[in-house]
Amino acid sequence: MNTTRRSRLLFVGAIMLGLIGLMFLSVDPQVQYTVDEVMDSPEEFSSEEVNIRGIVKNESIDNSSSTFLLQGSESKILVSFAMIAVPDGFEEGRMIAVKGNLIQDGEMWIIDAKEIQTGCPSKYETE
């Protein structure tokens, strides 16, 4: 009887370890790039969804065309947010992360946003 219980526990433990292993294999870590990293060679990022962070450039939000400029230290990129809802805390001068597809329109690169994430405002405000 003790052997049966032990073998069941080992069997359940092995299944649990297998499921945990599968969970870690199926989770694809999302790499977040800066605007400058992406704009150094945008062609490398154009074939897949990109997760990019930067600061919303002051006076760049255009609600009529649903676009804004995301800036890094040296580069800027136009972001189209026409198909998504804008989260709370989205404002000019704030650091945000944008997930979407990078597409080329003539000489200009545009991110067609699928998701915009803002940080917790209290985390960045000084007292």
C-alpha atoms as a PDB file:
ATOM      1  CA  MET A   1       0.000   0.000   0.000  1.00  0.00           C
ATOM      2  CA  ASN A   2       2.857   2.353   0.843  1.00  0.00           C
ATOM      3  CA  THR A   3       4.534   1.564  -2.494  1.00  0.00           C
ATOM      4  CA  THR A   4       1.358   2.353  -4.416  1.00  0.00           C
ATOM      5  CA  ARG A   5       0.999   5.714  -2.708  1.00  0.00           C
ATOM      6  CA  ARG A   6       4.661   6.541  -3.311  1.00  0.00           C
ATOM      7  CA  SER A   7       4.429   5.594  -6.985  1.00  0.00           C
ATOM      8  CA  ARG A   8       1.312   7.774  -7.405  1.00  0.00           C
ATOM      9  CA  LEU A   9       3.077  10.714  -5.761  1.00  0.00           C
ATOM     10  CA  LEU A  10       6.113  10.241  -8.010  1.00  0.00           C
ATOM     11  CA  PHE A  11       3.861  10.007 -11.054  1.00  0.00           C
ATOM     12  CA  VAL A  12       1.967  13.212 -10.151  1.00  0.00           C
ATOM     13  CA  GLY A  13       5.264  14.966  -9.326  1.00  0.00           C
ATOM     14  CA  ALA A  14       6.723  13.982 -12.700  1.00  0.00           C
ATOM     15  CA  ILE A  15       3.640  15.291 -14.500  1.00  0.00           C
ATOM     16  CA  MET A  16       3.819  18.574 -12.558  1.00  0.00           C
ATOM     17  CA  LEU A  17       7.503  19.010 -13.442  1.00  0.00           C
ATOM     18  CA  GLY A  18       6.709  18.255 -17.078  1.00  0.00           C
ATOM     19  CA  LEU A  19       3.933  20.845 -17.152  1.00  0.00           C
ATOM     20  CA  ILE A  20       6.154  23.461 -15.527  1.00  0.00           C
ATOM     21  CA  GLY A  21       8.862  22.699 -18.079  1.00  0.00           C
ATOM     22  CA  LEU A  22       6.386  23.100 -20.947  1.00  0.00           C
ATOM     23  CA  MET A  23       5.195  26.392 -19.488  1.00  0.00           C
ATOM     24  CA  PHE A  24       8.725  27.799 -19.484  1.00  0.00           C
ATOM     25  CA  LEU A  25       9.360  26.576 -23.024  1.00  0.00           C
ATOM     26  CA  SER A  26       6.177  28.146 -24.360  1.00  0.00           C
ATOM     27  CA  VAL A  27       6.763  31.578 -22.793  1.00  0.00           C
ATOM     28  CA  ASP A  28       8.597  33.764 -25.277  1.00  0.00           C
ATOM     29  CA  PRO A  29      10.300  36.660 -23.483  1.00  0.00           C
ATOM     30  CA  GLN A  30       9.443  40.003 -25.046  1.00  0.00           C
ATOM     31  CA  VAL A  31      12.556  42.066 -25.738  1.00  0.00           C
ATOM     32  CA  GLN A  32      12.000  45.801 -25.459  1.00  0.00           C
ATOM     33  CA  TYR A  33      14.118  48.053 -27.683  1.00  0.00           C
ATOM     34  CA  THR A  34      14.737  51.790 -27.541  1.00  0.00           C
ATOM     35  CA  VAL A  35      13.807  54.105 -30.410  1.00  0.00           C
ATOM     36  CA  ASP A  36      17.502  54.604 -31.200  1.00  0.00           C
ATOM     37  CA  GLU A  37      18.195  50.841 -31.356  1.00  0.00           C
ATOM     38  CA  VAL A  38      15.341  50.296 -33.796  1.00  0.00           C
ATOM     39  CA  MET A  39      16.118  53.306 -35.978  1.00  0.00           C
ATOM     40  CA  ASP A  40      19.798  52.332 -36.323  1.00  0.00           C
ATOM     41  CA  SER A  41      18.664  49.501 -38.611  1.00  0.00           C
ATOM     42  CA  PRO A  42      14.856  49.501 -38.962  1.00  0.00           C
ATOM     43  CA  GLU A  43      14.902  46.906 -41.766  1.00  0.00           C
ATOM     44  CA  GLU A  44      15.849  44.234 -39.198  1.00  0.00           C
ATOM     45  CA  PHE A  45      12.636  44.872 -37.236  1.00  0.00           C
ATOM     46  CA  SER A  46      10.168  45.299 -40.115  1.00  0.00           C
ATOM     47  CA  SER A  47       9.279  41.618 -40.483  1.00  0.00           C
ATOM     48  CA  GLU A  48       7.996  41.068 -36.937  1.00  0.00           C
ATOM     49  CA  GLU A  49       6.137  42.718 -34.101  1.00  0.00           C
ATOM     50  CA  VAL A  50       8.396  45.103 -32.189  1.00  0.00           C
ATOM     51  CA  ASN A  51       8.212  46.290 -28.581  1.00  0.00           C
ATOM     52  CA  ILE A  52       9.785  49.737 -28.366  1.00  0.00           C
ATOM     53  CA  ARG A  53      10.069  52.309 -25.586  1.00  0.00           C
ATOM     54  CA  GLY A  54      10.604  56.024 -25.749  1.00  0.00           C
ATOM     55  CA  ILE A  55       9.230  59.382 -24.705  1.00  0.00           C
ATOM     56  CA  VAL A  56       6.137  60.924 -26.285  1.00  0.00           C
ATOM     57  CA  LYS A  57       7.506  64.055 -27.949  1.00  0.00           C
ATOM     58  CA  ASN A  58       5.990  67.289 -26.675  1.00  0.00           C
ATOM     59  CA  GLU A  59       3.341  68.807 -28.952  1.00  0.00           C
ATOM     60  CA  SER A  60       3.367  65.769 -31.252  1.00  0.00           C
ATOM     61  CA  ILE A  61       0.051  64.094 -30.384  1.00  0.00           C
ATOM     62  CA  ASP A  62      -2.355  64.555 -33.290  1.00  0.00           C
ATOM     63  CA  ASN A  63      -5.780  63.183 -32.336  1.00  0.00           C
ATOM     64  CA  SER A  64      -7.249  63.892 -35.778  1.00  0.00           C
ATOM     65  CA  SER A  65      -4.814  61.480 -37.456  1.00  0.00           C
ATOM     66  CA  SER A  66      -4.264  59.343 -34.304  1.00  0.00           C
ATOM     67  CA  THR A  67      -0.491  59.712 -34.435  1.00  0.00           C
ATOM     68  CA  PHE A  68       2.351  60.942 -32.253  1.00  0.00           C
ATOM     69  CA  LEU A  69       6.137  60.959 -32.290  1.00  0.00           C
ATOM     70  CA  LEU A  70       8.059  58.614 -30.025  1.00  0.00           C
ATOM     71  CA  GLN A  71      11.557  59.932 -29.397  1.00  0.00           C
ATOM     72  CA  GLY A  72      14.782  58.476 -28.174  1.00  0.00           C
ATOM     73  CA  SER A  73      18.072  60.243 -27.529  1.00  0.00           C
ATOM     74  CA  GLU A  74      18.853  60.781 -31.211  1.00  0.00           C
ATOM     75  CA  SER A  75      15.968  59.402 -33.278  1.00  0.00           C
ATOM     76  CA  LYS A  76      12.190  59.709 -33.599  1.00  0.00           C
ATOM     77  CA  ILE A  77       9.551  57.412 -35.007  1.00  0.00           C
ATOM     78  CA  LEU A  78       5.927  58.069 -35.917  1.00  0.00           C
ATOM     79  CA  VAL A  79       3.352  55.934 -34.070  1.00  0.00           C
ATOM     80  CA  SER A  80      -0.180  55.355 -35.358  1.00  0.00           C
ATOM     81  CA  PHE A  81      -2.680  54.494 -32.611  1.00  0.00           C
ATOM     82  CA  ALA A  82      -5.834  54.598 -34.736  1.00  0.00           C
ATOM     83  CA  MET A  83      -6.925  51.024 -33.993  1.00  0.00           C
ATOM     84  CA  ILE A  84      -6.406  50.937 -30.203  1.00  0.00           C
ATOM     85  CA  ALA A  85      -7.611  52.626 -27.057  1.00  0.00           C
ATOM     86  CA  VAL A  86      -5.166  54.982 -25.377  1.00  0.00           C
ATOM     87  CA  PRO A  87      -4.390  54.016 -21.753  1.00  0.00           C
ATOM     88  CA  ASP A  88      -4.581  56.268 -18.701  1.00  0.00           C
ATOM     89  CA  GLY A  89      -1.350  58.158 -18.133  1.00  0.00           C
ATOM     90  CA  PHE A  90      -0.674  58.610 -21.852  1.00  0.00           C
ATOM     91  CA  GLU A  91       0.565  62.180 -22.252  1.00  0.00           C
ATOM     92  CA  GLU A  92       3.361  64.197 -23.808  1.00  0.00           C
ATOM     93  CA  GLY A  93       6.754  63.944 -22.176  1.00  0.00           C
ATOM     94  CA  ARG A  94       5.992  60.540 -20.606  1.00  0.00           C
ATOM     95  CA  MET A  95       8.035  57.352 -21.097  1.00  0.00           C
ATOM     96  CA  ILE A  96       5.873  54.663 -22.709  1.00  0.00           C
ATOM     97  CA  ALA A  97       6.196  51.295 -24.432  1.00  0.00           C
ATOM     98  CA  VAL A  98       4.555  50.598 -27.783  1.00  0.00           C
ATOM     99  CA  LYS A  99       4.005  47.149 -29.245  1.00  0.00           C
ATOM    100  CA  GLY A 100       3.168  46.914 -32.926  1.00  0.00           C
ATOM    101  CA  ASN A 101       4.338  46.365 -36.476  1.00  0.00           C
ATOM    102  CA  LEU A 102       7.074  48.514 -37.981  1.00  0.00           C
ATOM    103  CA  ILE A 103       6.214  49.511 -41.543  1.00  0.00           C
ATOM    104  CA  GLN A 104       7.908  51.735 -44.087  1.00  0.00           C
ATOM    105  CA  ASP A 105       5.973  54.494 -45.848  1.00  0.00           C
ATOM    106  CA  GLY A 106       8.332  56.013 -48.402  1.00  0.00           C
ATOM    107  CA  GLU A 107      11.332  57.261 -46.446  1.00  0.00           C
ATOM    108  CA  MET A 108       9.444  57.285 -43.144  1.00  0.00           C
ATOM    109  CA  TRP A 109       9.104  54.423 -40.639  1.00  0.00           C
ATOM    110  CA  ILE A 110       5.830  54.063 -38.749  1.00  0.00           C
ATOM    111  CA  ILE A 111       4.763  51.799 -35.906  1.00  0.00           C
ATOM    112  CA  ASP A 112       1.206  50.569 -36.323  1.00  0.00           C
ATOM    113  CA  ALA A 113       0.485  50.228 -32.596  1.00  0.00           C
ATOM    114  CA  LYS A 114      -1.366  47.221 -31.233  1.00  0.00           C
ATOM    115  CA  GLU A 115      -0.742  48.112 -27.596  1.00  0.00           C
ATOM    116  CA  ILE A 116       0.518  51.126 -25.639  1.00  0.00           C
ATOM    117  CA  GLN A 117       1.723  50.737 -22.060  1.00  0.00           C
ATOM    118  CA  THR A 118       2.362  53.556 -19.660  1.00  0.00           C
ATOM    119  CA  GLY A 119       4.219  53.289 -16.380  1.00  0.00           C
ATOM    120  CA  CYS A 120       2.722  54.081 -13.018  1.00  0.00           C
ATOM    121  CA  PRO A 121       2.825  57.906 -12.756  1.00  0.00           C
ATOM    122  CA  SER A 122       3.669  57.835  -9.051  1.00  0.00           C
ATOM    123  CA  LYS A 123       6.800  55.839  -9.822  1.00  0.00           C
ATOM    124  CA  TYR A 124       8.287  58.662 -11.893  1.00  0.00           C
ATOM    125  CA  GLU A 125       7.074  61.775 -10.113  1.00  0.00           C
ATOM    126  CA  THR A 126       9.322  63.584  -7.661  1.00  0.00           C
ATOM    127  CA  GLU A 127       7.976  64.554  -4.296  1.00  0.00           C
END
